[in-house]
Amino acid sequence: MSIAPESTGRSVTKAVIPAAGLGTRFLPATKAMPKEMLPIVDKPAIQYVVEEAANAGMRDVLIVTGRNKDNLSNHFDSVPELEATLQRKGDTDRLDRVHASSELAEVHFLRQGQPLGLGHAVGRARMHVGNESFAVLLGDDLIDERDPLLTRMIEVHDQREATVVALMEVPEELIHLYGCAAVNATADPDVVEVTALVEKPSPAEAPSNLAVIGRYVLRPEIFDVIDRLEPGRGGEYQLTDALNVLATGDGDRPVYGVVFRGRRYDTGDRASWIKANLLLGVDNEELGAELSDWVIELAEQLRARRSD
């Protein structure tokens, strides 16, 4: 049984991580392995996301999965045979790393059933979340632990008693890849009131250059809105459409956005996944020096090749 927020002193104690996608951009690597298990340096992407939730105080994590995603639950489970082998070898460093993944949080799993979109996946979490505010974290966006975005979003949620989305400025030519927010300024420089949301607009139709990135702190009213949704883009139930209902005034409370200016790593396609590995790799305590030297050497070789 989960602990109610009143007994923990925290307003948001549960996180939902949708992870039912097929990962077709990474085929054939994802033919037999979930894309969420692709490594970023030395940890699967999904572990970074669960760590972020736990660091923000959410120790109750629900991962909404699809078929052939058993590797996800295996990763957060204990592995007695491996642990015994490492213990026998005295390899305490690797043993601690193995233990860490199974001790991060109480991780639960739920099948989405049908691949009907992000809104549908979030709606499936209703029985687990109950009548509480909760966070949604998408695995394609990794937020650097040195930039605690989720903690700031929960602060804004508590102060304004409202749904909060994460926003980030993107170049105008890339806005068609994201949900886009129309906003009004507030007295807080990093907080805006969201008045409308548009899913993947053309640059000419975009109301701003503020893109919705994959972090949300949602009030439970979102479930009733999702239940009333009609299928949107691609015949799917879009979370952006549900949030737009609230942003345009048809909910109990408004929607606010936290404008994030920190370090974000996109892992949604092959090139961005490779970049994420390099960016986090050069900051890694064990690998950083070696990788940095190699990246500098590679850059010099590429510059020379281009000048030929």
Protein backbone atom coordinates (compact mmCIF):
# COMPACT_ATOMS: atom_id res chain seq x y z
CA MET A 1 0.00 0.00 0.00
CA SER A 2 1.37 3.42 -0.92
CA ILE A 3 1.93 6.15 1.64
CA ALA A 4 -0.38 9.15 1.41
CA PRO A 5 1.28 12.50 0.86
CA GLU A 6 0.10 13.79 4.25
CA SER A 7 2.21 11.23 6.09
CA THR A 8 5.39 12.00 4.14
CA GLY A 9 5.20 15.77 4.09
CA ARG A 10 5.57 15.67 0.29
CA SER A 11 2.89 16.81 -2.12
CA VAL A 12 3.98 14.54 -4.98
CA THR A 13 5.08 11.02 -4.08
CA LYS A 14 4.37 9.03 -7.25
CA ALA A 15 5.95 9.06 -10.68
CA VAL A 16 4.67 7.54 -13.91
CA ILE A 17 7.09 6.62 -16.72
CA PRO A 18 5.47 5.65 -20.04
CA ALA A 19 7.69 3.04 -21.71
CA ALA A 20 5.49 1.17 -24.18
CA GLY A 21 7.01 2.44 -27.43
CA LEU A 22 8.42 0.04 -30.02
CA GLY A 23 11.70 1.90 -30.52
CA THR A 24 11.53 1.57 -34.30
CA ARG A 25 14.13 4.32 -34.82
CA PHE A 26 16.75 2.03 -33.28
CA LEU A 27 16.00 -1.17 -35.20
CA PRO A 28 17.48 -3.72 -35.34
CA ALA A 29 19.02 -3.01 -31.91
CA THR A 30 15.53 -2.83 -30.37
CA LYS A 31 14.19 -5.95 -32.06
CA ALA A 32 14.68 -7.96 -28.86
CA MET A 33 15.60 -5.22 -26.35
CA PRO A 34 13.46 -2.28 -25.21
CA LYS A 35 14.81 1.08 -26.33
CA GLU A 36 14.67 2.16 -22.67
CA MET A 37 17.41 -0.39 -21.96
CA LEU A 38 19.86 1.10 -24.45
CA PRO A 39 22.88 2.20 -22.40
CA ILE A 40 23.91 5.80 -21.83
CA VAL A 41 27.57 5.38 -20.79
CA ASP A 42 27.16 2.54 -18.24
CA LYS A 43 23.48 2.63 -17.28
CA PRO A 44 20.30 2.02 -19.30
CA ALA A 45 18.36 5.18 -20.09
CA ILE A 46 15.43 4.08 -17.93
CA GLN A 47 17.64 4.04 -14.82
CA TYR A 48 18.53 7.72 -15.23
CA VAL A 49 14.81 8.53 -15.30
CA VAL A 50 14.00 6.48 -12.19
CA GLU A 51 16.99 8.07 -10.42
CA GLU A 52 15.63 11.52 -11.27
CA ALA A 53 12.24 10.66 -9.81
CA ALA A 54 13.82 9.23 -6.65
CA ASN A 55 16.09 12.26 -6.23
CA ALA A 56 12.98 14.48 -6.35
CA GLY A 57 11.43 12.49 -3.49
CA MET A 58 9.29 10.02 -5.45
CA ARG A 59 10.02 6.51 -4.29
CA ASP A 60 6.84 5.05 -5.82
CA VAL A 61 7.37 4.63 -9.57
CA LEU A 62 4.96 3.11 -12.08
CA ILE A 63 6.39 2.13 -15.46
CA VAL A 64 3.71 1.68 -18.15
CA THR A 65 5.03 -0.90 -20.60
CA GLY A 66 4.06 -2.80 -23.72
CA ARG A 67 4.76 -6.32 -24.90
CA ASN A 68 8.31 -7.75 -24.85
CA LYS A 69 9.49 -5.36 -22.12
CA ASP A 70 10.42 -7.95 -19.48
CA ASN A 71 14.01 -6.67 -19.47
CA LEU A 72 12.76 -3.51 -17.73
CA SER A 73 11.40 -5.36 -14.71
CA ASN A 74 14.46 -7.62 -14.64
CA HIS A 75 16.76 -4.59 -14.44
CA PHE A 76 15.11 -3.26 -11.28
CA ASP A 77 14.97 -6.68 -9.64
CA SER A 78 17.71 -8.29 -7.59
CA VAL A 79 19.99 -10.83 -9.31
CA PRO A 80 21.22 -13.24 -6.56
CA GLU A 81 23.55 -15.24 -8.82
CA LEU A 82 25.34 -12.15 -10.16
CA GLU A 83 25.49 -10.54 -6.72
CA ALA A 84 26.94 -13.72 -5.18
CA THR A 85 29.61 -13.90 -7.90
CA LEU A 86 30.64 -10.27 -7.38
CA GLN A 87 30.66 -10.79 -3.61
CA ARG A 88 32.89 -13.84 -3.98
CA LYS A 89 35.32 -11.88 -6.15
CA GLY A 90 35.36 -8.99 -3.71
CA ASP A 91 34.22 -6.65 -6.50
CA THR A 92 32.37 -4.30 -4.16
CA ASP A 93 32.28 -1.39 -6.61
CA ARG A 94 30.29 -3.30 -9.25
CA LEU A 95 28.23 -4.98 -6.53
CA ASP A 96 27.19 -1.57 -5.22
CA ARG A 97 26.18 -0.51 -8.73
CA VAL A 98 24.05 -3.63 -9.15
CA HIS A 99 22.39 -3.05 -5.78
CA ALA A 100 21.73 0.60 -6.60
CA SER A 101 19.36 -0.17 -9.49
CA SER A 102 17.16 -2.41 -7.34
CA GLU A 103 17.11 -0.07 -4.34
CA LEU A 104 16.24 3.22 -6.06
CA ALA A 105 12.51 3.05 -5.54
CA GLU A 106 9.49 0.78 -5.30
CA VAL A 107 9.05 0.15 -9.01
CA HIS A 108 5.73 -1.18 -10.32
CA PHE A 109 4.80 -2.23 -13.85
CA LEU A 110 1.55 -1.99 -15.80
CA ARG A 111 0.81 -3.00 -19.38
CA GLN A 112 -0.69 -0.27 -21.54
CA GLY A 113 -2.66 -2.89 -23.46
CA GLN A 114 -3.07 -1.05 -26.74
CA PRO A 115 -0.58 1.48 -28.19
CA LEU A 116 -3.04 4.38 -28.24
CA GLY A 117 -0.73 7.26 -27.41
CA LEU A 118 0.82 9.07 -24.48
CA GLY A 119 -2.49 10.34 -23.15
CA HIS A 120 -3.84 6.79 -23.05
CA ALA A 121 -0.69 5.53 -21.29
CA VAL A 122 -1.01 8.22 -18.60
CA GLY A 123 -4.70 7.45 -18.22
CA ARG A 124 -3.87 3.80 -17.50
CA ALA A 125 -2.08 4.96 -14.33
CA ARG A 126 -5.31 6.15 -12.69
CA MET A 127 -5.84 3.14 -10.42
CA HIS A 128 -2.26 3.34 -9.16
CA VAL A 129 -2.10 7.11 -8.69
CA GLY A 130 -5.53 7.62 -7.18
CA ASN A 131 -6.66 11.11 -6.21
CA GLU A 132 -3.17 12.59 -5.93
CA SER A 133 -0.96 14.83 -7.99
CA PHE A 134 1.83 12.90 -9.69
CA ALA A 135 4.79 13.36 -12.02
CA VAL A 136 5.18 12.00 -15.54
CA LEU A 137 8.70 11.50 -16.90
CA LEU A 138 9.38 10.53 -20.51
CA GLY A 139 12.42 8.39 -21.10
CA ASP A 140 13.54 10.12 -24.31
CA ASP A 141 14.47 13.26 -22.34
CA LEU A 142 17.25 12.85 -19.78
CA ILE A 143 17.73 15.77 -17.40
CA ASP A 144 21.17 16.23 -15.85
CA GLU A 145 21.08 15.51 -12.13
CA ARG A 146 22.99 18.77 -11.55
CA ASP A 147 19.93 20.68 -12.82
CA PRO A 148 17.00 19.57 -10.63
CA LEU A 149 14.12 20.48 -12.94
CA LEU A 150 11.56 18.17 -11.34
CA THR A 151 12.15 19.60 -7.86
CA ARG A 152 11.49 23.11 -9.21
CA MET A 153 8.33 21.94 -10.96
CA ILE A 154 6.97 20.45 -7.75
CA GLU A 155 7.70 23.73 -5.94
CA VAL A 156 5.66 25.61 -8.56
CA HIS A 157 2.88 23.01 -8.33
CA ASP A 158 2.71 23.51 -4.58
CA GLN A 159 2.85 27.31 -4.72
CA ARG A 160 0.19 27.66 -7.42
CA GLU A 161 -1.80 24.46 -6.85
CA ALA A 162 -1.71 23.86 -10.57
CA THR A 163 -0.58 21.48 -13.27
CA VAL A 164 2.99 22.23 -14.38
CA VAL A 165 4.79 21.35 -17.61
CA ALA A 166 8.47 21.68 -18.49
CA LEU A 167 9.29 24.05 -21.35
CA MET A 168 12.50 24.76 -23.21
CA GLU A 169 13.40 27.29 -25.88
CA VAL A 170 14.20 25.61 -29.19
CA PRO A 171 15.18 27.02 -32.60
CA GLU A 172 12.16 28.04 -34.67
CA GLU A 173 12.93 25.47 -37.36
CA LEU A 174 12.69 22.62 -34.80
CA ILE A 175 9.41 23.58 -33.11
CA HIS A 176 7.47 21.22 -35.41
CA LEU A 177 9.03 18.31 -33.52
CA TYR A 178 7.41 19.26 -30.21
CA GLY A 179 4.26 20.34 -28.46
CA CYS A 180 4.39 24.14 -28.36
CA ALA A 181 3.05 26.51 -25.67
CA ALA A 182 1.35 29.88 -25.91
CA VAL A 183 2.25 31.70 -22.69
CA ASN A 184 1.90 34.77 -20.52
CA ALA A 185 4.74 35.96 -18.29
CA THR A 186 4.52 35.83 -14.49
CA ALA A 187 6.49 37.56 -11.74
CA ASP A 188 8.83 34.53 -11.62
CA PRO A 189 11.42 34.72 -14.44
CA ASP A 190 11.41 30.96 -14.98
CA VAL A 191 7.62 30.48 -14.72
CA VAL A 192 4.98 31.25 -17.36
CA GLU A 193 1.23 30.73 -17.50
CA VAL A 194 0.33 28.39 -20.35
CA THR A 195 -2.76 29.58 -22.22
CA ALA A 196 -2.76 27.01 -25.04
CA LEU A 197 -0.79 24.03 -26.34
CA VAL A 198 -0.38 22.99 -29.96
CA GLU A 199 0.97 19.57 -30.94
CA LYS A 200 3.84 19.77 -33.47
CA PRO A 201 2.89 23.03 -35.23
CA SER A 202 4.61 24.37 -38.32
CA PRO A 203 6.94 27.32 -37.60
CA ALA A 204 4.33 29.67 -39.09
CA GLU A 205 1.60 28.34 -36.76
CA ALA A 206 3.72 28.09 -33.60
CA PRO A 207 2.65 30.56 -30.89
CA SER A 208 6.18 30.68 -29.42
CA ASN A 209 9.53 28.90 -29.47
CA LEU A 210 8.78 27.22 -26.13
CA ALA A 211 8.64 23.45 -26.59
CA VAL A 212 7.15 21.01 -24.12
CA ILE A 213 9.82 18.57 -22.98
CA GLY A 214 9.13 15.31 -21.24
CA ARG A 215 8.42 16.33 -17.64
CA TYR A 216 4.98 17.02 -16.17
CA VAL A 217 3.51 17.45 -12.70
CA LEU A 218 -0.18 16.69 -13.09
CA ARG A 219 -3.20 17.13 -10.87
CA PRO A 220 -5.59 14.14 -10.78
CA GLU A 221 -8.21 16.07 -12.79
CA ILE A 222 -6.16 15.10 -15.87
CA PHE A 223 -7.72 11.61 -15.76
CA ASP A 224 -11.27 12.89 -16.31
CA VAL A 225 -10.03 15.05 -19.17
CA ILE A 226 -8.28 12.07 -20.81
CA ASP A 227 -11.47 10.02 -20.48
CA ARG A 228 -13.34 12.65 -22.53
CA LEU A 229 -10.70 12.99 -25.26
CA GLU A 230 -11.29 12.16 -28.88
CA PRO A 231 -8.38 10.58 -30.78
CA GLY A 232 -6.02 13.24 -32.11
CA ARG A 233 -2.94 13.24 -34.33
CA GLY A 234 -2.21 9.73 -35.64
CA GLY A 235 -5.48 8.38 -34.18
CA GLU A 236 -3.91 8.45 -30.72
CA TYR A 237 -4.93 10.08 -27.46
CA GLN A 238 -2.45 12.92 -27.01
CA LEU A 239 -1.44 14.18 -23.57
CA THR A 240 -0.89 17.60 -25.19
CA ASP A 241 -4.58 17.70 -26.15
CA ALA A 242 -5.62 16.92 -22.57
CA LEU A 243 -3.33 19.61 -21.19
CA ASN A 244 -4.69 22.08 -23.73
CA VAL A 245 -8.18 21.54 -22.30
CA LEU A 246 -6.85 22.66 -18.91
CA ALA A 247 -4.73 25.49 -20.34
CA THR A 248 -7.68 27.01 -22.18
CA GLY A 249 -9.73 27.22 -18.99
CA ASP A 250 -11.82 24.07 -18.89
CA GLY A 251 -10.20 22.68 -15.73
CA ASP A 252 -10.30 23.48 -12.04
CA ARG A 253 -6.91 25.16 -12.10
CA PRO A 254 -4.66 26.78 -14.77
CA VAL A 255 -1.49 25.32 -16.27
CA TYR A 256 1.97 26.77 -15.67
CA GLY A 257 5.28 26.08 -17.33
CA VAL A 258 8.78 26.04 -15.87
CA VAL A 259 11.23 27.27 -18.50
CA PHE A 260 14.25 24.98 -18.24
CA ARG A 261 17.66 26.34 -19.20
CA GLY A 262 19.80 23.50 -17.89
CA ARG A 263 21.35 20.39 -19.41
CA ARG A 264 19.01 18.07 -21.29
CA TYR A 265 20.01 15.01 -23.29
CA ASP A 266 17.73 13.84 -26.07
CA THR A 267 17.87 10.08 -26.66
CA GLY A 268 14.96 9.87 -29.10
CA ASP A 269 16.92 8.95 -32.23
CA ARG A 270 20.27 7.44 -33.14
CA ALA A 271 22.26 10.64 -33.59
CA SER A 272 20.95 12.28 -30.42
CA TRP A 273 21.54 9.04 -28.46
CA ILE A 274 25.19 9.02 -29.58
CA LYS A 275 25.52 12.70 -28.59
CA ALA A 276 24.03 11.95 -25.15
CA ASN A 277 26.63 9.23 -24.61
CA LEU A 278 29.45 11.60 -25.53
CA LEU A 279 28.14 14.52 -23.46
CA LEU A 280 27.66 12.40 -20.35
CA GLY A 281 30.78 10.37 -21.08
CA VAL A 282 33.13 13.37 -21.01
CA ASP A 283 31.68 14.33 -17.62
CA ASN A 284 32.08 10.82 -16.23
CA GLU A 285 34.55 10.62 -13.34
CA GLU A 286 36.22 7.44 -14.62
CA LEU A 287 36.03 7.96 -18.37
CA GLY A 288 35.99 11.74 -18.79
CA ALA A 289 39.69 12.44 -19.23
CA GLU A 290 40.24 9.65 -21.76
CA LEU A 291 37.12 10.50 -23.74
CA SER A 292 37.81 14.23 -23.74
CA ASP A 293 41.28 13.69 -25.20
CA TRP A 294 39.83 11.37 -27.84
CA VAL A 295 37.01 13.79 -28.77
CA ILE A 296 39.53 16.63 -29.21
CA GLU A 297 41.73 14.43 -31.37
CA LEU A 298 38.73 13.28 -33.43
CA ALA A 299 37.58 16.89 -33.92
CA GLU A 300 41.00 17.82 -35.25
CA GLN A 301 40.94 14.88 -37.66
CA LEU A 302 37.47 15.83 -38.91
CA ARG A 303 38.48 19.44 -39.43
CA ALA A 304 41.50 18.31 -41.42
CA ARG A 305 39.32 15.97 -43.51
CA ARG A 306 36.87 18.77 -44.32
CA SER A 307 39.64 21.11 -45.38
CA ASP A 308 41.10 18.56 -47.87
